[in-house]
Amino acid sequence: MTSVDLDDGRELLDRLERYYDAVPRSGARAEGFGPLTLFVREGQGWPFYARPTAGWSGAVGAADVTRVRARQRELGVPESFEWIAETAPSLRAAVEQAGLTVHEHPLMVLDRDASAPALPGSADGVVVRTVGPDDPVLPSALAVPHLAFAEPGTGVGAAGTAELGEAVRSRAGDGSVERVAARILAGLTCVAAAVQDGRALCAGQHQPVGAVSEIVGVGTLPAARRRGLGHAVTAVLVADARSRGIETVFLSAGDDDVARVYARLGFRTVATALIAEPAD
């Protein structure tokens, strides 16, 4: 795994750090703990995490992590920390000393001057497209990544359209579709999906802030894997980001196998994204 060179690389990582600090603020409040900031979700939705405080240049100790964990337990939110290894080198030792387990993920960027991935055509009745706020596909587009992440990896899995239907029904009325629809209308989220027979077989999002956007949550229904759907959805998300004037498109790959898929789209590994959480 390669890291970026010092000059251009530092500017790029600083740009990503500013994004990581800004993107939760549209749906969370920030609580300061010296070298760490805890983002706390306002209302329902995915819980956020703690990360290094923007502009903090000192070291982080295990006691700092322990203070944040105590607050997370008090709030009833996950004891989760996310950061870039290269920009906060002391944090990994601190979170491990505080009893958390660290997971590594390739942090990948599509260069500004790179050619956009070719957009997919339709095949086998599958159409890959963006999803609007009133689109009937939106509920399945939000449900399918949950099934995908429950069966990690790139191999064909068990969960299929029956499980997807049940997942959509179980989430009905929880407000998640309405929240994402509002974010789409506000320009804070773009959802793309590979659609067949009125349901999403694969879906993902990008979250623009200024000239930077992160592609997140790309997941394929396990029974529909090995058909290039994740590749196609990512290409549509990149095209949408470019149409909005986004200069930096990035993502965190689940593992090296997934990173190789994104590399074929023109993404390159520039650093390591770290996620710390209690051991299972």
C-alpha atoms as a PDB file:
ATOM      1  CA  MET A   1       0.000   0.000   0.000  1.00  0.00           C
ATOM      2  CA  THR A   2       1.618   3.264  -1.079  1.00  0.00           C
ATOM      3  CA  SER A   3       1.304   6.687   0.491  1.00  0.00           C
ATOM      4  CA  VAL A   4       1.324   9.986  -1.355  1.00  0.00           C
ATOM      5  CA  ASP A   5       4.507  12.069  -1.764  1.00  0.00           C
ATOM      6  CA  LEU A   6       5.105  14.811   0.770  1.00  0.00           C
ATOM      7  CA  ASP A   7       4.002  18.045  -0.968  1.00  0.00           C
ATOM      8  CA  ASP A   8       0.990  17.115  -3.084  1.00  0.00           C
ATOM      9  CA  GLY A   9       0.214  14.322  -0.652  1.00  0.00           C
ATOM     10  CA  ARG A  10       0.039  16.568   2.387  1.00  0.00           C
ATOM     11  CA  GLU A  11      -2.268  19.002   0.603  1.00  0.00           C
ATOM     12  CA  LEU A  12      -4.523  16.127  -0.463  1.00  0.00           C
ATOM     13  CA  LEU A  13      -4.697  14.608   3.015  1.00  0.00           C
ATOM     14  CA  ASP A  14      -5.370  18.035   4.522  1.00  0.00           C
ATOM     15  CA  ARG A  15      -8.248  18.413   2.056  1.00  0.00           C
ATOM     16  CA  LEU A  16      -9.667  15.062   3.138  1.00  0.00           C
ATOM     17  CA  GLU A  17      -9.253  15.996   6.813  1.00  0.00           C
ATOM     18  CA  ARG A  18     -11.260  19.172   6.266  1.00  0.00           C
ATOM     19  CA  TYR A  19     -13.948  17.107   4.567  1.00  0.00           C
ATOM     20  CA  TYR A  20     -14.071  14.550   7.394  1.00  0.00           C
ATOM     21  CA  ASP A  21     -14.551  17.387   9.878  1.00  0.00           C
ATOM     22  CA  ALA A  22     -17.217  19.123   7.788  1.00  0.00           C
ATOM     23  CA  VAL A  23     -19.413  16.284   6.524  1.00  0.00           C
ATOM     24  CA  PRO A  24     -20.948  15.177   9.861  1.00  0.00           C
ATOM     25  CA  ARG A  25     -21.914  18.739  10.771  1.00  0.00           C
ATOM     26  CA  SER A  26     -24.988  18.713   8.514  1.00  0.00           C
ATOM     27  CA  GLY A  27     -26.571  16.094  10.781  1.00  0.00           C
ATOM     28  CA  ALA A  28     -24.668  16.102  14.068  1.00  0.00           C
ATOM     29  CA  ARG A  29     -23.452  18.301  16.861  1.00  0.00           C
ATOM     30  CA  ALA A  30     -19.758  18.396  17.719  1.00  0.00           C
ATOM     31  CA  GLU A  31     -18.564  17.873  21.307  1.00  0.00           C
ATOM     32  CA  GLY A  32     -14.951  18.808  21.971  1.00  0.00           C
ATOM     33  CA  PHE A  33     -12.571  16.691  24.056  1.00  0.00           C
ATOM     34  CA  GLY A  34      -9.267  18.455  23.453  1.00  0.00           C
ATOM     35  CA  PRO A  35      -7.472  16.455  20.756  1.00  0.00           C
ATOM     36  CA  LEU A  36     -10.658  14.553  19.875  1.00  0.00           C
ATOM     37  CA  THR A  37     -14.083  15.637  18.644  1.00  0.00           C
ATOM     38  CA  LEU A  38     -17.182  13.492  19.089  1.00  0.00           C
ATOM     39  CA  PHE A  39     -19.922  13.932  16.500  1.00  0.00           C
ATOM     40  CA  VAL A  40     -23.343  13.124  17.927  1.00  0.00           C
ATOM     41  CA  ARG A  41     -26.240  12.482  15.555  1.00  0.00           C
ATOM     42  CA  GLU A  42     -29.100  14.960  15.843  1.00  0.00           C
ATOM     43  CA  GLY A  43     -32.246  12.897  15.378  1.00  0.00           C
ATOM     44  CA  GLN A  44     -32.407   9.415  13.902  1.00  0.00           C
ATOM     45  CA  GLY A  45     -30.005   7.915  11.380  1.00  0.00           C
ATOM     46  CA  TRP A  46     -26.569   6.341  11.258  1.00  0.00           C
ATOM     47  CA  PRO A  47     -24.613   7.202  14.410  1.00  0.00           C
ATOM     48  CA  PHE A  48     -21.399   9.133  13.963  1.00  0.00           C
ATOM     49  CA  TYR A  49     -17.975   8.697  15.562  1.00  0.00           C
ATOM     50  CA  ALA A  50     -15.114  10.486  17.248  1.00  0.00           C
ATOM     51  CA  ARG A  51     -12.088  11.685  15.304  1.00  0.00           C
ATOM     52  CA  PRO A  52      -9.077  13.976  15.742  1.00  0.00           C
ATOM     53  CA  THR A  53      -9.955  17.617  16.353  1.00  0.00           C
ATOM     54  CA  ALA A  54      -9.373  19.748  13.271  1.00  0.00           C
ATOM     55  CA  GLY A  55      -6.106  21.676  13.529  1.00  0.00           C
ATOM     56  CA  TRP A  56      -4.895  19.826  16.631  1.00  0.00           C
ATOM     57  CA  SER A  57      -1.150  19.286  16.384  1.00  0.00           C
ATOM     58  CA  GLY A  58      -0.329  17.611  19.703  1.00  0.00           C
ATOM     59  CA  ALA A  59      -0.301  13.973  20.694  1.00  0.00           C
ATOM     60  CA  VAL A  60      -3.359  11.986  21.748  1.00  0.00           C
ATOM     61  CA  GLY A  61      -3.241   9.776  24.838  1.00  0.00           C
ATOM     62  CA  ALA A  62      -5.229   6.783  26.033  1.00  0.00           C
ATOM     63  CA  ALA A  63      -6.840   8.976  28.696  1.00  0.00           C
ATOM     64  CA  ASP A  64      -8.286  11.206  25.955  1.00  0.00           C
ATOM     65  CA  VAL A  65      -9.796   8.167  24.257  1.00  0.00           C
ATOM     66  CA  THR A  66     -11.182   6.862  27.544  1.00  0.00           C
ATOM     67  CA  ARG A  67     -12.953  10.193  28.198  1.00  0.00           C
ATOM     68  CA  VAL A  68     -14.650  10.054  24.811  1.00  0.00           C
ATOM     69  CA  ARG A  69     -15.636   6.407  25.286  1.00  0.00           C
ATOM     70  CA  ALA A  70     -17.266   7.288  28.601  1.00  0.00           C
ATOM     71  CA  ARG A  71     -19.302   9.992  26.878  1.00  0.00           C
ATOM     72  CA  GLN A  72     -20.286   7.608  24.066  1.00  0.00           C
ATOM     73  CA  ARG A  73     -21.525   5.071  26.612  1.00  0.00           C
ATOM     74  CA  GLU A  74     -23.435   7.826  28.414  1.00  0.00           C
ATOM     75  CA  LEU A  75     -25.141   8.775  25.142  1.00  0.00           C
ATOM     76  CA  GLY A  76     -25.760   5.164  24.135  1.00  0.00           C
ATOM     77  CA  VAL A  77     -23.869   5.524  20.832  1.00  0.00           C
ATOM     78  CA  PRO A  78     -21.203   3.208  19.385  1.00  0.00           C
ATOM     79  CA  GLU A  79     -17.706   3.568  20.812  1.00  0.00           C
ATOM     80  CA  SER A  80     -16.283   4.244  17.372  1.00  0.00           C
ATOM     81  CA  PHE A  81     -13.297   6.320  16.215  1.00  0.00           C
ATOM     82  CA  GLU A  82     -12.339   7.055  12.602  1.00  0.00           C
ATOM     83  CA  TRP A  83      -9.239   8.793  11.248  1.00  0.00           C
ATOM     84  CA  ILE A  84      -6.451   8.798   8.658  1.00  0.00           C
ATOM     85  CA  ALA A  85      -3.391   6.952   9.937  1.00  0.00           C
ATOM     86  CA  GLU A  86      -0.892   9.286   8.303  1.00  0.00           C
ATOM     87  CA  THR A  87      -2.374  12.504   9.712  1.00  0.00           C
ATOM     88  CA  ALA A  88      -2.782  11.363  13.347  1.00  0.00           C
ATOM     89  CA  PRO A  89       0.075   8.897  13.916  1.00  0.00           C
ATOM     90  CA  SER A  90      -0.215   8.849  17.722  1.00  0.00           C
ATOM     91  CA  LEU A  91      -3.907   7.962  17.824  1.00  0.00           C
ATOM     92  CA  ARG A  92      -3.584   4.273  16.980  1.00  0.00           C
ATOM     93  CA  ALA A  93      -1.437   3.514  19.999  1.00  0.00           C
ATOM     94  CA  ALA A  94      -3.795   5.541  22.198  1.00  0.00           C
ATOM     95  CA  VAL A  95      -6.939   3.733  21.120  1.00  0.00           C
ATOM     96  CA  GLU A  96      -5.262   0.340  21.419  1.00  0.00           C
ATOM     97  CA  GLN A  97      -4.054   1.197  24.919  1.00  0.00           C
ATOM     98  CA  ALA A  98      -7.644   2.191  25.723  1.00  0.00           C
ATOM     99  CA  GLY A  99      -8.807  -1.297  24.727  1.00  0.00           C
ATOM    100  CA  LEU A 100     -10.161  -0.787  21.216  1.00  0.00           C
ATOM    101  CA  THR A 101      -9.489  -2.867  18.096  1.00  0.00           C
ATOM    102  CA  VAL A 102      -8.251  -1.078  14.970  1.00  0.00           C
ATOM    103  CA  HIS A 103      -9.274  -2.040  11.433  1.00  0.00           C
ATOM    104  CA  GLU A 104      -7.340  -0.852   8.363  1.00  0.00           C
ATOM    105  CA  HIS A 105      -8.954   0.175   5.071  1.00  0.00           C
ATOM    106  CA  PRO A 106      -7.252   1.424   1.897  1.00  0.00           C
ATOM    107  CA  LEU A 107      -8.048   5.136   1.413  1.00  0.00           C
ATOM    108  CA  MET A 108      -8.393   5.707  -2.325  1.00  0.00           C
ATOM    109  CA  VAL A 109      -8.713   8.829  -4.474  1.00  0.00           C
ATOM    110  CA  LEU A 110      -9.701   9.349  -8.096  1.00  0.00           C
ATOM    111  CA  ASP A 111      -7.270  11.939  -9.387  1.00  0.00           C
ATOM    112  CA  ARG A 112      -8.745  15.200 -10.647  1.00  0.00           C
ATOM    113  CA  ASP A 113      -7.207  14.701 -14.082  1.00  0.00           C
ATOM    114  CA  ALA A 114      -8.153  11.014 -14.320  1.00  0.00           C
ATOM    115  CA  SER A 115     -10.666   9.959 -16.919  1.00  0.00           C
ATOM    116  CA  ALA A 116     -14.082   9.298 -15.458  1.00  0.00           C
ATOM    117  CA  PRO A 117     -15.049   5.598 -15.448  1.00  0.00           C
ATOM    118  CA  ALA A 118     -17.107   4.576 -18.453  1.00  0.00           C
ATOM    119  CA  LEU A 119     -20.815   4.687 -17.728  1.00  0.00           C
ATOM    120  CA  PRO A 120     -22.577   1.322 -17.885  1.00  0.00           C
ATOM    121  CA  GLY A 121     -25.268   0.406 -20.349  1.00  0.00           C
ATOM    122  CA  SER A 122     -28.286  -1.691 -19.450  1.00  0.00           C
ATOM    123  CA  ALA A 123     -27.972  -5.469 -19.533  1.00  0.00           C
ATOM    124  CA  ASP A 124     -30.102  -8.371 -18.338  1.00  0.00           C
ATOM    125  CA  GLY A 125     -32.850  -5.915 -17.522  1.00  0.00           C
ATOM    126  CA  VAL A 126     -30.587  -4.002 -15.091  1.00  0.00           C
ATOM    127  CA  VAL A 127     -30.451  -0.208 -15.382  1.00  0.00           C
ATOM    128  CA  VAL A 128     -27.881   1.710 -13.339  1.00  0.00           C
ATOM    129  CA  ARG A 129     -28.944   5.266 -12.510  1.00  0.00           C
ATOM    130  CA  THR A 130     -29.270   7.888  -9.832  1.00  0.00           C
ATOM    131  CA  VAL A 131     -32.291   7.705  -7.533  1.00  0.00           C
ATOM    132  CA  GLY A 132     -34.482  10.722  -6.839  1.00  0.00           C
ATOM    133  CA  PRO A 133     -36.169  11.644  -3.547  1.00  0.00           C
ATOM    134  CA  ASP A 134     -39.587  10.377  -4.689  1.00  0.00           C
ATOM    135  CA  ASP A 135     -38.281   7.337  -6.548  1.00  0.00           C
ATOM    136  CA  PRO A 136     -40.018   4.077  -5.525  1.00  0.00           C
ATOM    137  CA  VAL A 137     -36.603   2.382  -5.755  1.00  0.00           C
ATOM    138  CA  LEU A 138     -35.211   4.473  -2.876  1.00  0.00           C
ATOM    139  CA  PRO A 139     -36.338   2.129  -0.034  1.00  0.00           C
ATOM    140  CA  SER A 140     -34.576  -0.885  -1.569  1.00  0.00           C
ATOM    141  CA  ALA A 141     -31.551   1.246  -2.468  1.00  0.00           C
ATOM    142  CA  LEU A 142     -31.162   2.091   1.220  1.00  0.00           C
ATOM    143  CA  ALA A 143     -31.819  -1.469   2.398  1.00  0.00           C
ATOM    144  CA  VAL A 144     -29.549  -3.437   0.072  1.00  0.00           C
ATOM    145  CA  PRO A 145     -26.201  -2.230   1.507  1.00  0.00           C
ATOM    146  CA  HIS A 146     -27.227  -3.528   4.953  1.00  0.00           C
ATOM    147  CA  LEU A 147     -27.646  -7.018   3.497  1.00  0.00           C
ATOM    148  CA  ALA A 148     -24.357  -6.650   1.628  1.00  0.00           C
ATOM    149  CA  PHE A 149     -22.364  -5.662   4.705  1.00  0.00           C
ATOM    150  CA  ALA A 150     -23.949  -8.465   6.731  1.00  0.00           C
ATOM    151  CA  GLU A 151     -22.270 -10.898   4.293  1.00  0.00           C
ATOM    152  CA  PRO A 152     -18.883  -9.245   3.684  1.00  0.00           C
ATOM    153  CA  GLY A 153     -16.567 -10.119   0.845  1.00  0.00           C
ATOM    154  CA  THR A 154     -16.880 -10.266  -2.917  1.00  0.00           C
ATOM    155  CA  GLY A 155     -18.181 -13.830  -3.365  1.00  0.00           C
ATOM    156  CA  VAL A 156     -21.776 -14.703  -4.161  1.00  0.00           C
ATOM    157  CA  GLY A 157     -23.771 -15.017  -0.940  1.00  0.00           C
ATOM    158  CA  ALA A 158     -27.110 -16.266   0.296  1.00  0.00           C
ATOM    159  CA  ALA A 159     -29.278 -13.169   0.749  1.00  0.00           C
ATOM    160  CA  GLY A 160     -31.464 -12.540  -2.295  1.00  0.00           C
ATOM    161  CA  THR A 161     -34.592 -10.699  -3.324  1.00  0.00           C
ATOM    162  CA  ALA A 162     -36.764 -12.318  -0.640  1.00  0.00           C
ATOM    163  CA  GLU A 163     -34.425 -11.068   2.072  1.00  0.00           C
ATOM    164  CA  LEU A 164     -34.315  -7.671   0.389  1.00  0.00           C
ATOM    165  CA  GLY A 165     -38.101  -7.445   0.457  1.00  0.00           C
ATOM    166  CA  GLU A 166     -38.127  -8.302   4.135  1.00  0.00           C
ATOM    167  CA  ALA A 167     -35.418  -5.718   4.856  1.00  0.00           C
ATOM    168  CA  VAL A 168     -37.471  -3.031   3.110  1.00  0.00           C
ATOM    169  CA  ARG A 169     -40.575  -3.980   5.072  1.00  0.00           C
ATOM    170  CA  SER A 170     -38.700  -3.997   8.382  1.00  0.00           C
ATOM    171  CA  ARG A 171     -37.438  -0.458   7.786  1.00  0.00           C
ATOM    172  CA  ALA A 172     -40.800   0.940   6.674  1.00  0.00           C
ATOM    173  CA  GLY A 173     -41.927   3.787   8.874  1.00  0.00           C
ATOM    174  CA  ASP A 174     -38.580   4.322  10.611  1.00  0.00           C
ATOM    175  CA  GLY A 175     -38.016   7.636   8.832  1.00  0.00           C
ATOM    176  CA  SER A 176     -34.831   6.581   7.046  1.00  0.00           C
ATOM    177  CA  VAL A 177     -36.250   7.009   3.536  1.00  0.00           C
ATOM    178  CA  GLU A 178     -37.626  10.442   4.390  1.00  0.00           C
ATOM    179  CA  ARG A 179     -34.296  11.556   5.884  1.00  0.00           C
ATOM    180  CA  VAL A 180     -32.316  10.519   2.832  1.00  0.00           C
ATOM    181  CA  ALA A 181     -34.926  12.030   0.506  1.00  0.00           C
ATOM    182  CA  ALA A 182     -34.510  15.350   2.319  1.00  0.00           C
ATOM    183  CA  ARG A 183     -30.720  15.113   1.943  1.00  0.00           C
ATOM    184  CA  ILE A 184     -31.081  14.403  -1.781  1.00  0.00           C
ATOM    185  CA  LEU A 185     -33.284  17.476  -2.170  1.00  0.00           C
ATOM    186  CA  ALA A 186     -30.763  19.578  -0.233  1.00  0.00           C
ATOM    187  CA  GLY A 187     -27.869  18.407  -2.419  1.00  0.00           C
ATOM    188  CA  LEU A 188     -26.142  16.698   0.512  1.00  0.00           C
ATOM    189  CA  THR A 189     -26.452  13.124  -0.796  1.00  0.00           C
ATOM    190  CA  CYS A 190     -26.628  11.395  -4.147  1.00  0.00           C
ATOM    191  CA  VAL A 191     -27.919   7.808  -4.311  1.00  0.00           C
ATOM    192  CA  ALA A 192     -27.261   5.535  -7.293  1.00  0.00           C
ATOM    193  CA  ALA A 193     -28.558   2.020  -7.826  1.00  0.00           C
ATOM    194  CA  ALA A 194     -28.517  -0.929 -10.206  1.00  0.00           C
ATOM    195  CA  VAL A 195     -32.233  -1.532 -10.685  1.00  0.00           C
ATOM    196  CA  GLN A 196     -33.986  -4.658 -11.913  1.00  0.00           C
ATOM    197  CA  ASP A 197     -37.729  -5.315 -11.720  1.00  0.00           C
ATOM    198  CA  GLY A 198     -38.264  -2.205  -9.647  1.00  0.00           C
ATOM    199  CA  ARG A 199     -35.768  -3.047  -6.894  1.00  0.00           C
ATOM    200  CA  ALA A 200     -32.132  -2.143  -6.252  1.00  0.00           C
ATOM    201  CA  LEU A 201     -29.696  -5.037  -6.561  1.00  0.00           C
ATOM    202  CA  CYS A 202     -26.780  -2.747  -5.690  1.00  0.00           C
ATOM    203  CA  ALA A 203     -26.653   0.799  -4.386  1.00  0.00           C
ATOM    204  CA  GLY A 204     -24.319   3.420  -2.982  1.00  0.00           C
ATOM    205  CA  GLN A 205     -24.061   7.114  -2.217  1.00  0.00           C
ATOM    206  CA  HIS A 206     -21.731  10.058  -2.420  1.00  0.00           C
ATOM    207  CA  GLN A 207     -21.796  12.969   0.003  1.00  0.00           C
ATOM    208  CA  PRO A 208     -20.562  16.261  -1.519  1.00  0.00           C
ATOM    209  CA  VAL A 209     -19.101  19.052   0.606  1.00  0.00           C
ATOM    210  CA  GLY A 210     -17.632  21.866  -1.444  1.00  0.00           C
ATOM    211  CA  ALA A 211     -15.279  20.412  -4.058  1.00  0.00           C
ATOM    212  CA  VAL A 212     -14.842  17.056  -2.262  1.00  0.00           C
ATOM    213  CA  SER A 213     -17.122  14.039  -2.060  1.00  0.00           C
ATOM    214  CA  GLU A 214     -16.807  10.592  -0.522  1.00  0.00           C
ATOM    215  CA  ILE A 215     -18.385   7.525  -2.077  1.00  0.00           C
ATOM    216  CA  VAL A 216     -19.925   5.484   0.729  1.00  0.00           C
ATOM    217  CA  GLY A 217     -22.027   2.420   1.337  1.00  0.00           C
ATOM    218  CA  VAL A 218     -21.677   0.733  -2.057  1.00  0.00           C
ATOM    219  CA  GLY A 219     -23.103  -2.723  -1.513  1.00  0.00           C
ATOM    220  CA  THR A 220     -24.468  -5.476  -3.758  1.00  0.00           C
ATOM    221  CA  LEU A 221     -27.176  -7.943  -2.806  1.00  0.00           C
ATOM    222  CA  PRO A 222     -25.079 -11.033  -1.972  1.00  0.00           C
ATOM    223  CA  ALA A 223     -26.952 -13.303  -4.402  1.00  0.00           C
ATOM    224  CA  ALA A 224     -26.350 -10.752  -7.218  1.00  0.00           C
ATOM    225  CA  ARG A 225     -22.567 -10.436  -6.814  1.00  0.00           C
ATOM    226  CA  ARG A 226     -19.961 -11.090  -9.508  1.00  0.00           C
ATOM    227  CA  ARG A 227     -21.996  -9.199 -12.139  1.00  0.00           C
ATOM    228  CA  GLY A 228     -20.079  -5.909 -12.077  1.00  0.00           C
ATOM    229  CA  LEU A 229     -22.898  -4.041 -10.354  1.00  0.00           C
ATOM    230  CA  GLY A 230     -20.718  -2.338  -7.739  1.00  0.00           C
ATOM    231  CA  HIS A 231     -18.362  -1.196 -10.504  1.00  0.00           C
ATOM    232  CA  ALA A 232     -21.313   0.221 -12.458  1.00  0.00           C
ATOM    233  CA  VAL A 233     -22.887   1.996  -9.478  1.00  0.00           C
ATOM    234  CA  THR A 234     -19.545   3.579  -8.583  1.00  0.00           C
ATOM    235  CA  ALA A 235     -19.140   4.835 -12.166  1.00  0.00           C
ATOM    236  CA  VAL A 236     -22.553   6.531 -11.989  1.00  0.00           C
ATOM    237  CA  LEU A 237     -21.682   8.114  -8.634  1.00  0.00           C
ATOM    238  CA  VAL A 238     -18.406   9.442 -10.037  1.00  0.00           C
ATOM    239  CA  ALA A 239     -20.219  10.869 -13.075  1.00  0.00           C
ATOM    240  CA  ASP A 240     -22.730  12.617 -10.829  1.00  0.00           C
ATOM    241  CA  ALA A 241     -19.963  14.034  -8.639  1.00  0.00           C
ATOM    242  CA  ARG A 242     -18.088  15.336 -11.678  1.00  0.00           C
ATOM    243  CA  SER A 243     -21.301  16.921 -13.000  1.00  0.00           C
ATOM    244  CA  ARG A 244     -21.512  18.894  -9.735  1.00  0.00           C
ATOM    245  CA  GLY A 245     -17.980  20.246 -10.141  1.00  0.00           C
ATOM    246  CA  ILE A 246     -16.474  17.930  -7.538  1.00  0.00           C
ATOM    247  CA  GLU A 247     -12.677  17.902  -7.886  1.00  0.00           C
ATOM    248  CA  THR A 248     -11.758  15.217  -5.351  1.00  0.00           C
ATOM    249  CA  VAL A 249     -13.682  11.944  -5.221  1.00  0.00           C
ATOM    250  CA  PHE A 250     -12.495   9.421  -2.643  1.00  0.00           C
ATOM    251  CA  LEU A 251     -13.545   6.316  -0.752  1.00  0.00           C
ATOM    252  CA  SER A 252     -12.402   3.764   1.815  1.00  0.00           C
ATOM    253  CA  ALA A 253     -12.287   0.218   0.472  1.00  0.00           C
ATOM    254  CA  GLY A 254     -13.390  -2.622   2.718  1.00  0.00           C
ATOM    255  CA  ASP A 255     -10.219  -4.612   2.097  1.00  0.00           C
ATOM    256  CA  ASP A 256      -7.510  -5.158  -0.511  1.00  0.00           C
ATOM    257  CA  ASP A 257      -9.782  -7.317  -2.695  1.00  0.00           C
ATOM    258  CA  VAL A 258     -12.363  -4.545  -2.851  1.00  0.00           C
ATOM    259  CA  ALA A 259      -9.578  -2.001  -3.436  1.00  0.00           C
ATOM    260  CA  ARG A 260      -8.570  -3.885  -6.576  1.00  0.00           C
ATOM    261  CA  VAL A 261     -12.104  -3.452  -7.918  1.00  0.00           C
ATOM    262  CA  TYR A 262     -11.907   0.309  -7.386  1.00  0.00           C
ATOM    263  CA  ALA A 263      -8.404   0.434  -8.858  1.00  0.00           C
ATOM    264  CA  ARG A 264      -9.869  -0.768 -12.144  1.00  0.00           C
ATOM    265  CA  LEU A 265     -12.047   2.360 -12.074  1.00  0.00           C
ATOM    266  CA  GLY A 266      -8.995   4.604 -11.713  1.00  0.00           C
ATOM    267  CA  PHE A 267      -8.849   5.025  -7.930  1.00  0.00           C
ATOM    268  CA  ARG A 268      -5.412   4.853  -6.299  1.00  0.00           C
ATOM    269  CA  THR A 269      -4.494   4.174  -2.698  1.00  0.00           C
ATOM    270  CA  VAL A 270      -3.097   7.284  -1.024  1.00  0.00           C
ATOM    271  CA  ALA A 271      -3.243   6.442   2.688  1.00  0.00           C
ATOM    272  CA  THR A 272      -4.884   4.192   5.270  1.00  0.00           C
ATOM    273  CA  ALA A 273      -8.257   4.871   6.865  1.00  0.00           C
ATOM    274  CA  LEU A 274      -8.522   3.463  10.385  1.00  0.00           C
ATOM    275  CA  ILE A 275     -11.639   2.538  12.332  1.00  0.00           C
ATOM    276  CA  ALA A 276     -11.414   1.643  16.018  1.00  0.00           C
ATOM    277  CA  GLU A 277     -14.157  -0.037  17.999  1.00  0.00           C
ATOM    278  CA  PRO A 278     -14.519  -2.497  20.870  1.00  0.00           C
ATOM    279  CA  ALA A 279     -13.593  -6.085  20.071  1.00  0.00           C
ATOM    280  CA  ASP A 280     -16.515  -8.420  19.386  1.00  0.00           C
END
